[in-house]
Amino acid sequence: MPAVVSKEEAHRLIDQLPDGATWEDLMQEIYLRESIEKGLEQSRSGKTREVSEIRRKYGLQG
């Protein structure tokens, strides 16, 4: 279920954009914010994986 966004949060996001920002700039900021919020929620609910597991899955060294 998508997170509820308050109007104040939306205004704050828009106010942080530089003058002359485009719709694409706004959409990029929204996508970034949504991705971060989803990641934080997954972390809080224990839906994470160890870095070593991801490295093995993709054949990365480290």
PDB file of N, CA and C in Angstrom:
ATOM      1  N   MET A   1       0.848  -1.184   0.000  1.00  0.00           N
ATOM      2  CA  MET A   1       0.000   0.000   0.000  1.00  0.00           C
ATOM      3  C   MET A   1       0.889   1.242   0.000  1.00  0.00           C
ATOM      4  N   PRO A   2       0.655   2.165  -0.931  1.00  0.00           N
ATOM      5  CA  PRO A   2       1.481   3.368  -1.003  1.00  0.00           C
ATOM      6  C   PRO A   2       1.363   4.216   0.266  1.00  0.00           C
ATOM      7  N   ALA A   3       2.464   4.849   0.609  1.00  0.00           N
ATOM      8  CA  ALA A   3       2.478   5.711   1.786  1.00  0.00           C
ATOM      9  C   ALA A   3       1.679   6.981   1.514  1.00  0.00           C
ATOM     10  N   VAL A   4       1.029   7.466   2.539  1.00  0.00           N
ATOM     11  CA  VAL A   4       0.273   8.715   2.441  1.00  0.00           C
ATOM     12  C   VAL A   4       1.260   9.873   2.567  1.00  0.00           C
ATOM     13  N   VAL A   5       1.093  10.865   1.702  1.00  0.00           N
ATOM     14  CA  VAL A   5       1.969  12.034   1.712  1.00  0.00           C
ATOM     15  C   VAL A   5       1.141  13.245   2.115  1.00  0.00           C
ATOM     16  N   SER A   6       1.631  13.971   3.086  1.00  0.00           N
ATOM     17  CA  SER A   6       0.915  15.180   3.484  1.00  0.00           C
ATOM     18  C   SER A   6       1.193  16.302   2.480  1.00  0.00           C
ATOM     19  N   LYS A   7       0.267  17.226   2.409  1.00  0.00           N
ATOM     20  CA  LYS A   7       0.457  18.367   1.523  1.00  0.00           C
ATOM     21  C   LYS A   7       1.702  19.156   1.924  1.00  0.00           C
ATOM     22  N   GLU A   8       1.956  19.215   3.235  1.00  0.00           N
ATOM     23  CA  GLU A   8       3.129  19.945   3.707  1.00  0.00           C
ATOM     24  C   GLU A   8       4.419  19.314   3.179  1.00  0.00           C
ATOM     25  N   GLU A   9       4.468  17.978   3.185  1.00  0.00           N
ATOM     26  CA  GLU A   9       5.652  17.286   2.656  1.00  0.00           C
ATOM     27  C   GLU A   9       5.817  17.560   1.166  1.00  0.00           C
ATOM     28  N   ALA A  10       4.707  17.541   0.432  1.00  0.00           N
ATOM     29  CA  ALA A  10       4.756  17.801  -1.004  1.00  0.00           C
ATOM     30  C   ALA A  10       5.230  19.226  -1.280  1.00  0.00           C
ATOM     31  N   HIS A  11       4.712  20.178  -0.518  1.00  0.00           N
ATOM     32  CA  HIS A  11       5.134  21.571  -0.683  1.00  0.00           C
ATOM     33  C   HIS A  11       6.616  21.738  -0.358  1.00  0.00           C
ATOM     34  N   ARG A  12       7.067  21.071   0.695  1.00  0.00           N
ATOM     35  CA  ARG A  12       8.472  21.165   1.093  1.00  0.00           C
ATOM     36  C   ARG A  12       9.376  20.622  -0.024  1.00  0.00           C
ATOM     37  N   LEU A  13       8.971  19.512  -0.624  1.00  0.00           N
ATOM     38  CA  LEU A  13       9.747  18.931  -1.720  1.00  0.00           C
ATOM     39  C   LEU A  13       9.822  19.904  -2.893  1.00  0.00           C
ATOM     40  N   ILE A  14       8.700  20.484  -3.256  1.00  0.00           N
ATOM     41  CA  ILE A  14       8.669  21.434  -4.369  1.00  0.00           C
ATOM     42  C   ILE A  14       9.484  22.679  -4.044  1.00  0.00           C
ATOM     43  N   ASP A  15       9.374  23.167  -2.818  1.00  0.00           N
ATOM     44  CA  ASP A  15      10.113  24.371  -2.421  1.00  0.00           C
ATOM     45  C   ASP A  15      11.626  24.163  -2.468  1.00  0.00           C
ATOM     46  N   GLN A  16      12.084  22.934  -2.341  1.00  0.00           N
ATOM     47  CA  GLN A  16      13.519  22.643  -2.368  1.00  0.00           C
ATOM     48  C   GLN A  16      14.083  22.604  -3.789  1.00  0.00           C
ATOM     49  N   LEU A  17      13.211  22.528  -4.784  1.00  0.00           N
ATOM     50  CA  LEU A  17      13.678  22.513  -6.164  1.00  0.00           C
ATOM     51  C   LEU A  17      14.189  23.895  -6.559  1.00  0.00           C
ATOM     52  N   PRO A  18      15.194  23.921  -7.423  1.00  0.00           N
ATOM     53  CA  PRO A  18      15.702  25.228  -7.863  1.00  0.00           C
ATOM     54  C   PRO A  18      14.710  25.917  -8.800  1.00  0.00           C
ATOM     55  N   ASP A  19      14.820  27.234  -8.901  1.00  0.00           N
ATOM     56  CA  ASP A  19      14.009  27.966  -9.875  1.00  0.00           C
ATOM     57  C   ASP A  19      14.315  27.392 -11.253  1.00  0.00           C
ATOM     58  N   GLY A  20      13.311  27.271 -12.054  1.00  0.00           N
ATOM     59  CA  GLY A  20      13.504  26.746 -13.403  1.00  0.00           C
ATOM     60  C   GLY A  20      13.472  25.225 -13.477  1.00  0.00           C
ATOM     61  N   ALA A  21      13.128  24.568 -12.362  1.00  0.00           N
ATOM     62  CA  ALA A  21      13.042  23.109 -12.368  1.00  0.00           C
ATOM     63  C   ALA A  21      11.928  22.667 -13.311  1.00  0.00           C
ATOM     64  N   THR A  22      12.124  21.516 -13.919  1.00  0.00           N
ATOM     65  CA  THR A  22      11.143  20.993 -14.870  1.00  0.00           C
ATOM     66  C   THR A  22      10.246  19.961 -14.192  1.00  0.00           C
ATOM     67  N   TRP A  23       9.201  19.552 -14.904  1.00  0.00           N
ATOM     68  CA  TRP A  23       8.348  18.473 -14.406  1.00  0.00           C
ATOM     69  C   TRP A  23       9.181  17.217 -14.220  1.00  0.00           C
ATOM     70  N   GLU A  24      10.124  16.998 -15.125  1.00  0.00           N
ATOM     71  CA  GLU A  24      11.001  15.825 -15.006  1.00  0.00           C
ATOM     72  C   GLU A  24      11.828  15.892 -13.726  1.00  0.00           C
ATOM     73  N   ASP A  25      12.331  17.063 -13.385  1.00  0.00           N
ATOM     74  CA  ASP A  25      13.074  17.234 -12.133  1.00  0.00           C
ATOM     75  C   ASP A  25      12.200  16.876 -10.936  1.00  0.00           C
ATOM     76  N   LEU A  26      10.964  17.350 -10.960  1.00  0.00           N
ATOM     77  CA  LEU A  26      10.033  17.060  -9.872  1.00  0.00           C
ATOM     78  C   LEU A  26       9.759  15.559  -9.783  1.00  0.00           C
ATOM     79  N   MET A  27       9.500  14.930 -10.906  1.00  0.00           N
ATOM     80  CA  MET A  27       9.221  13.493 -10.917  1.00  0.00           C
ATOM     81  C   MET A  27      10.425  12.694 -10.418  1.00  0.00           C
ATOM     82  N   GLN A  28      11.628  13.124 -10.765  1.00  0.00           N
ATOM     83  CA  GLN A  28      12.839  12.452 -10.295  1.00  0.00           C
ATOM     84  C   GLN A  28      12.942  12.555  -8.776  1.00  0.00           C
ATOM     85  N   GLU A  29      12.651  13.719  -8.223  1.00  0.00           N
ATOM     86  CA  GLU A  29      12.695  13.895  -6.774  1.00  0.00           C
ATOM     87  C   GLU A  29      11.631  13.042  -6.079  1.00  0.00           C
ATOM     88  N   ILE A  30      10.456  12.969  -6.675  1.00  0.00           N
ATOM     89  CA  ILE A  30       9.393  12.135  -6.108  1.00  0.00           C
ATOM     90  C   ILE A  30       9.808  10.672  -6.125  1.00  0.00           C
ATOM     91  N   TYR A  31      10.352  10.208  -7.245  1.00  0.00           N
ATOM     92  CA  TYR A  31      10.792   8.819  -7.360  1.00  0.00           C
ATOM     93  C   TYR A  31      11.884   8.513  -6.338  1.00  0.00           C
ATOM     94  N   LEU A  32      12.842   9.419  -6.197  1.00  0.00           N
ATOM     95  CA  LEU A  32      13.931   9.221  -5.242  1.00  0.00           C
ATOM     96  C   LEU A  32      13.378   9.132  -3.824  1.00  0.00           C
ATOM     97  N   ARG A  33      12.501  10.037  -3.473  1.00  0.00           N
ATOM     98  CA  ARG A  33      11.901  10.041  -2.132  1.00  0.00           C
ATOM     99  C   ARG A  33      11.123   8.757  -1.872  1.00  0.00           C
ATOM    100  N   GLU A  34      10.343   8.325  -2.870  1.00  0.00           N
ATOM    101  CA  GLU A  34       9.567   7.098  -2.736  1.00  0.00           C
ATOM    102  C   GLU A  34      10.488   5.887  -2.558  1.00  0.00           C
ATOM    103  N   SER A  35      11.572   5.838  -3.321  1.00  0.00           N
ATOM    104  CA  SER A  35      12.526   4.729  -3.213  1.00  0.00           C
ATOM    105  C   SER A  35      13.168   4.677  -1.829  1.00  0.00           C
ATOM    106  N   ILE A  36      13.543   5.826  -1.321  1.00  0.00           N
ATOM    107  CA  ILE A  36      14.154   5.885   0.013  1.00  0.00           C
ATOM    108  C   ILE A  36      13.146   5.441   1.072  1.00  0.00           C
ATOM    109  N   GLU A  37      11.925   5.940   0.981  1.00  0.00           N
ATOM    110  CA  GLU A  37      10.895   5.564   1.953  1.00  0.00           C
ATOM    111  C   GLU A  37      10.624   4.059   1.919  1.00  0.00           C
ATOM    112  N   LYS A  38      10.547   3.472   0.725  1.00  0.00           N
ATOM    113  CA  LYS A  38      10.331   2.027   0.609  1.00  0.00           C
ATOM    114  C   LYS A  38      11.494   1.257   1.226  1.00  0.00           C
ATOM    115  N   GLY A  39      12.715   1.697   0.946  1.00  0.00           N
ATOM    116  CA  GLY A  39      13.892   1.033   1.501  1.00  0.00           C
ATOM    117  C   GLY A  39      13.932   1.095   3.015  1.00  0.00           C
ATOM    118  N   LEU A  40      13.590   2.239   3.574  1.00  0.00           N
ATOM    119  CA  LEU A  40      13.560   2.373   5.030  1.00  0.00           C
ATOM    120  C   LEU A  40      12.506   1.465   5.643  1.00  0.00           C
ATOM    121  N   GLU A  41      11.345   1.386   5.010  1.00  0.00           N
ATOM    122  CA  GLU A  41      10.287   0.512   5.515  1.00  0.00           C
ATOM    123  C   GLU A  41      10.708  -0.957   5.442  1.00  0.00           C
ATOM    124  N   GLN A  42      11.350  -1.348   4.355  1.00  0.00           N
ATOM    125  CA  GLN A  42      11.841  -2.727   4.238  1.00  0.00           C
ATOM    126  C   GLN A  42      12.880  -3.015   5.311  1.00  0.00           C
ATOM    127  N   SER A  43      13.728  -2.072   5.580  1.00  0.00           N
ATOM    128  CA  SER A  43      14.750  -2.244   6.610  1.00  0.00           C
ATOM    129  C   SER A  43      14.107  -2.395   7.985  1.00  0.00           C
ATOM    130  N   ARG A  44      13.135  -1.543   8.282  1.00  0.00           N
ATOM    131  CA  ARG A  44      12.444  -1.609   9.580  1.00  0.00           C
ATOM    132  C   ARG A  44      11.711  -2.933   9.761  1.00  0.00           C
ATOM    133  N   SER A  45      11.206  -3.501   8.672  1.00  0.00           N
ATOM    134  CA  SER A  45      10.451  -4.751   8.775  1.00  0.00           C
ATOM    135  C   SER A  45      11.334  -5.989   8.594  1.00  0.00           C
ATOM    136  N   GLY A  46      12.664  -5.779   8.534  1.00  0.00           N
ATOM    137  CA  GLY A  46      13.588  -6.907   8.466  1.00  0.00           C
ATOM    138  C   GLY A  46      13.717  -7.544   7.092  1.00  0.00           C
ATOM    139  N   LYS A  47      13.261  -6.876   6.065  1.00  0.00           N
ATOM    140  CA  LYS A  47      13.343  -7.412   4.704  1.00  0.00           C
ATOM    141  C   LYS A  47      14.631  -6.950   4.038  1.00  0.00           C
ATOM    142  N   THR A  48      15.739  -7.368   4.608  1.00  0.00           N
ATOM    143  CA  THR A  48      17.044  -7.010   4.068  1.00  0.00           C
ATOM    144  C   THR A  48      17.865  -8.259   3.813  1.00  0.00           C
ATOM    145  N   ARG A  49      18.951  -8.102   3.077  1.00  0.00           N
ATOM    146  CA  ARG A  49      19.864  -9.201   2.807  1.00  0.00           C
ATOM    147  C   ARG A  49      21.280  -8.737   3.108  1.00  0.00           C
ATOM    148  N   GLU A  50      22.109  -9.701   3.453  1.00  0.00           N
ATOM    149  CA  GLU A  50      23.513  -9.397   3.719  1.00  0.00           C
ATOM    150  C   GLU A  50      24.216  -9.023   2.413  1.00  0.00           C
ATOM    151  N   VAL A  51      25.165  -8.106   2.503  1.00  0.00           N
ATOM    152  CA  VAL A  51      25.928  -7.686   1.328  1.00  0.00           C
ATOM    153  C   VAL A  51      26.615  -8.891   0.692  1.00  0.00           C
ATOM    154  N   SER A  52      27.145  -9.785   1.506  1.00  0.00           N
ATOM    155  CA  SER A  52      27.841 -10.964   0.976  1.00  0.00           C
ATOM    156  C   SER A  52      26.896 -11.830   0.131  1.00  0.00           C
ATOM    157  N   GLU A  53      25.640 -11.921   0.531  1.00  0.00           N
ATOM    158  CA  GLU A  53      24.657 -12.696  -0.232  1.00  0.00           C
ATOM    159  C   GLU A  53      24.423 -12.069  -1.606  1.00  0.00           C
ATOM    160  N   ILE A  54      24.303 -10.757  -1.648  1.00  0.00           N
ATOM    161  CA  ILE A  54      24.086 -10.053  -2.915  1.00  0.00           C
ATOM    162  C   ILE A  54      25.318 -10.176  -3.800  1.00  0.00           C
ATOM    163  N   ARG A  55      26.506 -10.065  -3.200  1.00  0.00           N
ATOM    164  CA  ARG A  55      27.742 -10.206  -3.975  1.00  0.00           C
ATOM    165  C   ARG A  55      27.825 -11.589  -4.620  1.00  0.00           C
ATOM    166  N   ARG A  56      27.498 -12.626  -3.852  1.00  0.00           N
ATOM    167  CA  ARG A  56      27.513 -13.995  -4.405  1.00  0.00           C
ATOM    168  C   ARG A  56      26.502 -14.118  -5.546  1.00  0.00           C
ATOM    169  N   LYS A  57      25.326 -13.597  -5.343  1.00  0.00           N
ATOM    170  CA  LYS A  57      24.263 -13.697  -6.340  1.00  0.00           C
ATOM    171  C   LYS A  57      24.694 -13.108  -7.682  1.00  0.00           C
ATOM    172  N   TYR A  58      25.407 -11.995  -7.636  1.00  0.00           N
ATOM    173  CA  TYR A  58      25.804 -11.301  -8.865  1.00  0.00           C
ATOM    174  C   TYR A  58      27.264 -11.529  -9.248  1.00  0.00           C
ATOM    175  N   GLY A  59      27.933 -12.438  -8.549  1.00  0.00           N
ATOM    176  CA  GLY A  59      29.316 -12.769  -8.889  1.00  0.00           C
ATOM    177  C   GLY A  59      30.299 -11.641  -8.641  1.00  0.00           C
ATOM    178  N   LEU A  60      30.051 -10.834  -7.625  1.00  0.00           N
ATOM    179  CA  LEU A  60      30.939  -9.717  -7.302  1.00  0.00           C
ATOM    180  C   LEU A  60      31.925 -10.109  -6.219  1.00  0.00           C
ATOM    181  N   GLN A  61      33.106  -9.560  -6.310  1.00  0.00           N
ATOM    182  CA  GLN A  61      34.106  -9.822  -5.277  1.00  0.00           C
ATOM    183  C   GLN A  61      33.956  -8.787  -4.171  1.00  0.00           C
ATOM    184  N   GLY A  62      34.533  -9.103  -3.059  1.00  0.00           N
ATOM    185  CA  GLY A  62      34.494  -8.087  -2.038  1.00  0.00           C
ATOM    186  C   GLY A  62      34.635  -8.641  -0.712  1.00  0.00           C
TER     187      GLY A  62
END
